[in-house]
Amino acid sequence: LRIKGKRGRLSKADLDTGWTKEDERQCSLCQKYGDLKPNEAGRLLYLGQNEWAHVNCCLWSAEVFEEDNGSLLHVHSAVTRGRLMRCERCNHTGATVGCCLTSCQSNYHFMCARSRQCVFQDDKKVYCYKHRHLISGRMTTGQEFEVNRRVYVDFEGI
């Protein structure tokens, strides 16, 4: 082995094997692969049978509820409904984040809703960009989307 680089250290090129493994876990809601940044969709949660979903894609889905112990209820129902729902922004299925105004039919993927300037409230209400002026509570923004606590998908109700 020839040593290259400064001070006799191996360079990055010497250590690079040329082999990389892409994360093949795909979110069942937003369809993106792998863990994403914590203040975005976040880490992937196991749903069973090689199915995965990002923590924020789950948490902000209309029917999902978080118990005090970190258990997420109704995630599988959200995934099932998401297979029928198209995103207002990208037109792909998996859109389970909806405007809480009952007369509004807008649904989004979590990150599509954020990029479309939808408003997220601390009480888990979401308003689309057309109805964002109706916000009545404290908004969740930026780093507040990070989920650093223990959160897991409940399998009891399947």
C-alpha atoms as a PDB file:
ATOM      1  CA  LEU A   1       0.000   0.000   0.000  1.00  0.00           C
ATOM      2  CA  ARG A   2       1.380   3.361  -1.006  1.00  0.00           C
ATOM      3  CA  ILE A   3       0.780   6.182   1.446  1.00  0.00           C
ATOM      4  CA  LYS A   4      -0.324   9.451  -0.092  1.00  0.00           C
ATOM      5  CA  GLY A   5      -1.487  12.762   1.236  1.00  0.00           C
ATOM      6  CA  LYS A   6      -0.131  15.145   3.818  1.00  0.00           C
ATOM      7  CA  ARG A   7       2.074  13.854   6.617  1.00  0.00           C
ATOM      8  CA  GLY A   8       1.952  10.287   5.369  1.00  0.00           C
ATOM      9  CA  ARG A   9      -1.805   9.851   5.970  1.00  0.00           C
ATOM     10  CA  LEU A  10      -4.060   7.967   3.625  1.00  0.00           C
ATOM     11  CA  SER A  11      -6.064  10.267   1.399  1.00  0.00           C
ATOM     12  CA  LYS A  12      -9.840   9.980   1.046  1.00  0.00           C
ATOM     13  CA  ALA A  13      -9.298   8.521  -2.443  1.00  0.00           C
ATOM     14  CA  ASP A  14      -7.112   5.769  -0.962  1.00  0.00           C
ATOM     15  CA  LEU A  15      -9.805   4.859   1.565  1.00  0.00           C
ATOM     16  CA  ASP A  16     -12.666   5.015  -0.924  1.00  0.00           C
ATOM     17  CA  THR A  17     -13.563   1.524  -2.106  1.00  0.00           C
ATOM     18  CA  GLY A  18     -15.913   2.785  -4.795  1.00  0.00           C
ATOM     19  CA  TRP A  19     -18.742   0.777  -3.212  1.00  0.00           C
ATOM     20  CA  THR A  20     -21.671   2.565  -1.648  1.00  0.00           C
ATOM     21  CA  LYS A  21     -24.999   1.218  -0.485  1.00  0.00           C
ATOM     22  CA  GLU A  22     -27.980   3.475  -0.947  1.00  0.00           C
ATOM     23  CA  ASP A  23     -30.668   3.322   1.719  1.00  0.00           C
ATOM     24  CA  GLU A  24     -33.439   1.301   0.079  1.00  0.00           C
ATOM     25  CA  ARG A  25     -36.048   1.979   2.770  1.00  0.00           C
ATOM     26  CA  GLN A  26     -38.829   4.052   1.221  1.00  0.00           C
ATOM     27  CA  CYS A  27     -41.393   6.095   3.124  1.00  0.00           C
ATOM     28  CA  SER A  28     -44.870   4.676   2.501  1.00  0.00           C
ATOM     29  CA  LEU A  29     -46.278   8.202   2.633  1.00  0.00           C
ATOM     30  CA  CYS A  30     -43.935  10.662   0.885  1.00  0.00           C
ATOM     31  CA  GLN A  31     -42.141   8.014  -1.233  1.00  0.00           C
ATOM     32  CA  LYS A  32     -38.674   9.458  -0.397  1.00  0.00           C
ATOM     33  CA  TYR A  33     -35.821   7.079   0.430  1.00  0.00           C
ATOM     34  CA  GLY A  34     -33.856   6.915   3.674  1.00  0.00           C
ATOM     35  CA  ASP A  35     -33.741   9.033   6.794  1.00  0.00           C
ATOM     36  CA  LEU A  36     -34.068  12.753   6.137  1.00  0.00           C
ATOM     37  CA  LYS A  37     -32.914  15.734   8.193  1.00  0.00           C
ATOM     38  CA  PRO A  38     -34.467  15.897  11.684  1.00  0.00           C
ATOM     39  CA  ASN A  39     -36.108  19.286  11.026  1.00  0.00           C
ATOM     40  CA  GLU A  40     -37.581  17.935   7.787  1.00  0.00           C
ATOM     41  CA  ALA A  41     -39.364  14.557   7.490  1.00  0.00           C
ATOM     42  CA  GLY A  42     -36.925  13.014   9.987  1.00  0.00           C
ATOM     43  CA  ARG A  43     -35.996   9.406  10.640  1.00  0.00           C
ATOM     44  CA  LEU A  44     -37.826   6.398   9.256  1.00  0.00           C
ATOM     45  CA  LEU A  45     -40.061   4.362  11.568  1.00  0.00           C
ATOM     46  CA  TYR A  46     -40.676   0.663  10.987  1.00  0.00           C
ATOM     47  CA  LEU A  47     -44.280  -0.169  10.069  1.00  0.00           C
ATOM     48  CA  GLY A  48     -43.823  -3.929   9.646  1.00  0.00           C
ATOM     49  CA  GLN A  49     -43.303  -6.181   6.606  1.00  0.00           C
ATOM     50  CA  ASN A  50     -40.492  -3.996   5.260  1.00  0.00           C
ATOM     51  CA  GLU A  51     -42.673  -0.882   5.257  1.00  0.00           C
ATOM     52  CA  TRP A  52     -41.365   2.420   6.600  1.00  0.00           C
ATOM     53  CA  ALA A  53     -42.561   5.993   7.135  1.00  0.00           C
ATOM     54  CA  HIS A  54     -40.818   9.172   8.248  1.00  0.00           C
ATOM     55  CA  VAL A  55     -41.621  10.299  11.764  1.00  0.00           C
ATOM     56  CA  ASN A  56     -43.046  13.682  10.654  1.00  0.00           C
ATOM     57  CA  CYS A  57     -44.972  12.137   7.760  1.00  0.00           C
ATOM     58  CA  CYS A  58     -46.685  10.030  10.438  1.00  0.00           C
ATOM     59  CA  LEU A  59     -47.073  12.631  13.185  1.00  0.00           C
ATOM     60  CA  TRP A  60     -48.715  15.216  10.945  1.00  0.00           C
ATOM     61  CA  SER A  61     -51.103  12.779   9.207  1.00  0.00           C
ATOM     62  CA  ALA A  62     -54.681  13.726  10.073  1.00  0.00           C
ATOM     63  CA  GLU A  63     -55.681  10.466  11.776  1.00  0.00           C
ATOM     64  CA  VAL A  64     -52.478   9.770  13.680  1.00  0.00           C
ATOM     65  CA  PHE A  65     -52.467  10.352  17.426  1.00  0.00           C
ATOM     66  CA  GLU A  66     -49.468  10.225  19.770  1.00  0.00           C
ATOM     67  CA  GLU A  67     -49.914   8.668  23.209  1.00  0.00           C
ATOM     68  CA  ASP A  68     -47.976   9.993  26.233  1.00  0.00           C
ATOM     69  CA  ASN A  69     -45.608   6.998  25.983  1.00  0.00           C
ATOM     70  CA  GLY A  70     -44.604   7.903  22.383  1.00  0.00           C
ATOM     71  CA  SER A  71     -46.811   5.297  20.725  1.00  0.00           C
ATOM     72  CA  LEU A  72     -48.276   6.473  17.406  1.00  0.00           C
ATOM     73  CA  LEU A  73     -51.817   5.222  16.831  1.00  0.00           C
ATOM     74  CA  HIS A  74     -53.547   4.802  13.451  1.00  0.00           C
ATOM     75  CA  VAL A  75     -50.369   5.043  11.332  1.00  0.00           C
ATOM     76  CA  HIS A  76     -51.425   2.013   9.276  1.00  0.00           C
ATOM     77  CA  SER A  77     -54.810   3.657   8.618  1.00  0.00           C
ATOM     78  CA  ALA A  78     -52.988   6.772   7.411  1.00  0.00           C
ATOM     79  CA  VAL A  79     -50.863   4.701   5.019  1.00  0.00           C
ATOM     80  CA  THR A  80     -53.964   2.943   3.658  1.00  0.00           C
ATOM     81  CA  ARG A  81     -55.793   6.263   3.157  1.00  0.00           C
ATOM     82  CA  GLY A  82     -52.647   7.813   1.692  1.00  0.00           C
ATOM     83  CA  ARG A  83     -52.627   5.280  -1.136  1.00  0.00           C
ATOM     84  CA  LEU A  84     -55.840   6.963  -2.341  1.00  0.00           C
ATOM     85  CA  MET A  85     -54.902  10.601  -1.706  1.00  0.00           C
ATOM     86  CA  ARG A  86     -52.962  12.739  -4.181  1.00  0.00           C
ATOM     87  CA  CYS A  87     -50.805  15.656  -3.132  1.00  0.00           C
ATOM     88  CA  GLU A  88     -51.960  19.135  -4.103  1.00  0.00           C
ATOM     89  CA  ARG A  89     -48.366  20.120  -4.868  1.00  0.00           C
ATOM     90  CA  CYS A  90     -46.707  17.107  -6.580  1.00  0.00           C
ATOM     91  CA  ASN A  91     -49.771  15.014  -7.548  1.00  0.00           C
ATOM     92  CA  HIS A  92     -48.266  11.771  -6.140  1.00  0.00           C
ATOM     93  CA  THR A  93     -50.141   9.488  -3.751  1.00  0.00           C
ATOM     94  CA  GLY A  94     -49.430   9.313  -0.022  1.00  0.00           C
ATOM     95  CA  ALA A  95     -50.752  12.768   0.881  1.00  0.00           C
ATOM     96  CA  THR A  96     -52.137  12.503   4.416  1.00  0.00           C
ATOM     97  CA  VAL A  97     -51.527  16.038   5.708  1.00  0.00           C
ATOM     98  CA  GLY A  98     -54.745  17.922   5.081  1.00  0.00           C
ATOM     99  CA  CYS A  99     -56.045  21.403   5.696  1.00  0.00           C
ATOM    100  CA  CYS A 100     -58.144  21.336   8.875  1.00  0.00           C
ATOM    101  CA  LEU A 101     -60.816  23.594   7.361  1.00  0.00           C
ATOM    102  CA  THR A 102     -63.616  21.075   6.755  1.00  0.00           C
ATOM    103  CA  SER A 103     -64.661  22.634   3.448  1.00  0.00           C
ATOM    104  CA  CYS A 104     -61.097  22.450   2.058  1.00  0.00           C
ATOM    105  CA  GLN A 105     -60.066  19.327   0.147  1.00  0.00           C
ATOM    106  CA  SER A 106     -56.312  20.099  -0.002  1.00  0.00           C
ATOM    107  CA  ASN A 107     -53.977  17.255   0.985  1.00  0.00           C
ATOM    108  CA  TYR A 108     -50.188  17.202   0.930  1.00  0.00           C
ATOM    109  CA  HIS A 109     -47.140  15.163   1.800  1.00  0.00           C
ATOM    110  CA  PHE A 110     -45.525  16.618   4.918  1.00  0.00           C
ATOM    111  CA  MET A 111     -42.571  18.214   3.071  1.00  0.00           C
ATOM    112  CA  CYS A 112     -44.775  19.363   0.171  1.00  0.00           C
ATOM    113  CA  ALA A 113     -47.015  21.131   2.712  1.00  0.00           C
ATOM    114  CA  ARG A 114     -43.981  22.863   4.197  1.00  0.00           C
ATOM    115  CA  SER A 115     -42.673  23.941   0.804  1.00  0.00           C
ATOM    116  CA  ARG A 116     -46.147  25.239  -0.101  1.00  0.00           C
ATOM    117  CA  GLN A 117     -46.138  27.476   3.024  1.00  0.00           C
ATOM    118  CA  CYS A 118     -48.879  25.605   4.835  1.00  0.00           C
ATOM    119  CA  VAL A 119     -49.114  26.516   8.518  1.00  0.00           C
ATOM    120  CA  PHE A 120     -48.545  23.920  11.233  1.00  0.00           C
ATOM    121  CA  GLN A 121     -49.843  24.597  14.737  1.00  0.00           C
ATOM    122  CA  ASP A 122     -48.546  23.070  17.972  1.00  0.00           C
ATOM    123  CA  ASP A 123     -51.925  21.348  18.467  1.00  0.00           C
ATOM    124  CA  LYS A 124     -51.321  19.434  15.183  1.00  0.00           C
ATOM    125  CA  LYS A 125     -53.792  21.504  13.155  1.00  0.00           C
ATOM    126  CA  VAL A 126     -52.607  22.316   9.638  1.00  0.00           C
ATOM    127  CA  TYR A 127     -53.905  25.058   7.358  1.00  0.00           C
ATOM    128  CA  CYS A 128     -53.141  25.105   3.630  1.00  0.00           C
ATOM    129  CA  TYR A 129     -51.632  28.241   2.107  1.00  0.00           C
ATOM    130  CA  LYS A 130     -55.111  29.462   1.036  1.00  0.00           C
ATOM    131  CA  HIS A 131     -56.465  29.261   4.589  1.00  0.00           C
ATOM    132  CA  ARG A 132     -53.345  30.031   6.609  1.00  0.00           C
ATOM    133  CA  HIS A 133     -54.893  33.311   7.753  1.00  0.00           C
ATOM    134  CA  LEU A 134     -57.262  31.233   9.959  1.00  0.00           C
ATOM    135  CA  ILE A 135     -54.464  30.139  12.294  1.00  0.00           C
ATOM    136  CA  SER A 136     -55.605  30.311  15.896  1.00  0.00           C
ATOM    137  CA  GLY A 137     -52.728  28.788  17.875  1.00  0.00           C
ATOM    138  CA  ARG A 138     -48.970  28.807  18.205  1.00  0.00           C
ATOM    139  CA  MET A 139     -47.135  27.826  15.018  1.00  0.00           C
ATOM    140  CA  THR A 140     -44.555  25.043  14.744  1.00  0.00           C
ATOM    141  CA  THR A 141     -41.571  26.122  12.643  1.00  0.00           C
ATOM    142  CA  GLY A 142     -38.033  25.081  11.691  1.00  0.00           C
ATOM    143  CA  GLN A 143     -36.156  23.227  14.421  1.00  0.00           C
ATOM    144  CA  GLU A 144     -39.432  22.588  16.303  1.00  0.00           C
ATOM    145  CA  PHE A 145     -40.198  19.820  13.792  1.00  0.00           C
ATOM    146  CA  GLU A 146     -37.263  17.787  15.166  1.00  0.00           C
ATOM    147  CA  VAL A 147     -38.486  14.681  17.004  1.00  0.00           C
ATOM    148  CA  ASN A 148     -35.802  13.725  19.518  1.00  0.00           C
ATOM    149  CA  ARG A 149     -38.075  11.835  21.879  1.00  0.00           C
ATOM    150  CA  ARG A 150     -38.896   8.129  21.789  1.00  0.00           C
ATOM    151  CA  VAL A 151     -41.603   7.568  19.170  1.00  0.00           C
ATOM    152  CA  TYR A 152     -42.766   4.252  17.752  1.00  0.00           C
ATOM    153  CA  VAL A 153     -45.620   2.846  15.689  1.00  0.00           C
ATOM    154  CA  ASP A 154     -48.320   1.009  17.626  1.00  0.00           C
ATOM    155  CA  PHE A 155     -48.964  -2.496  16.257  1.00  0.00           C
ATOM    156  CA  GLU A 156     -51.781  -3.366  18.680  1.00  0.00           C
ATOM    157  CA  GLY A 157     -54.568  -1.862  16.597  1.00  0.00           C
ATOM    158  CA  ILE A 158     -53.709  -3.617  13.340  1.00  0.00           C
END
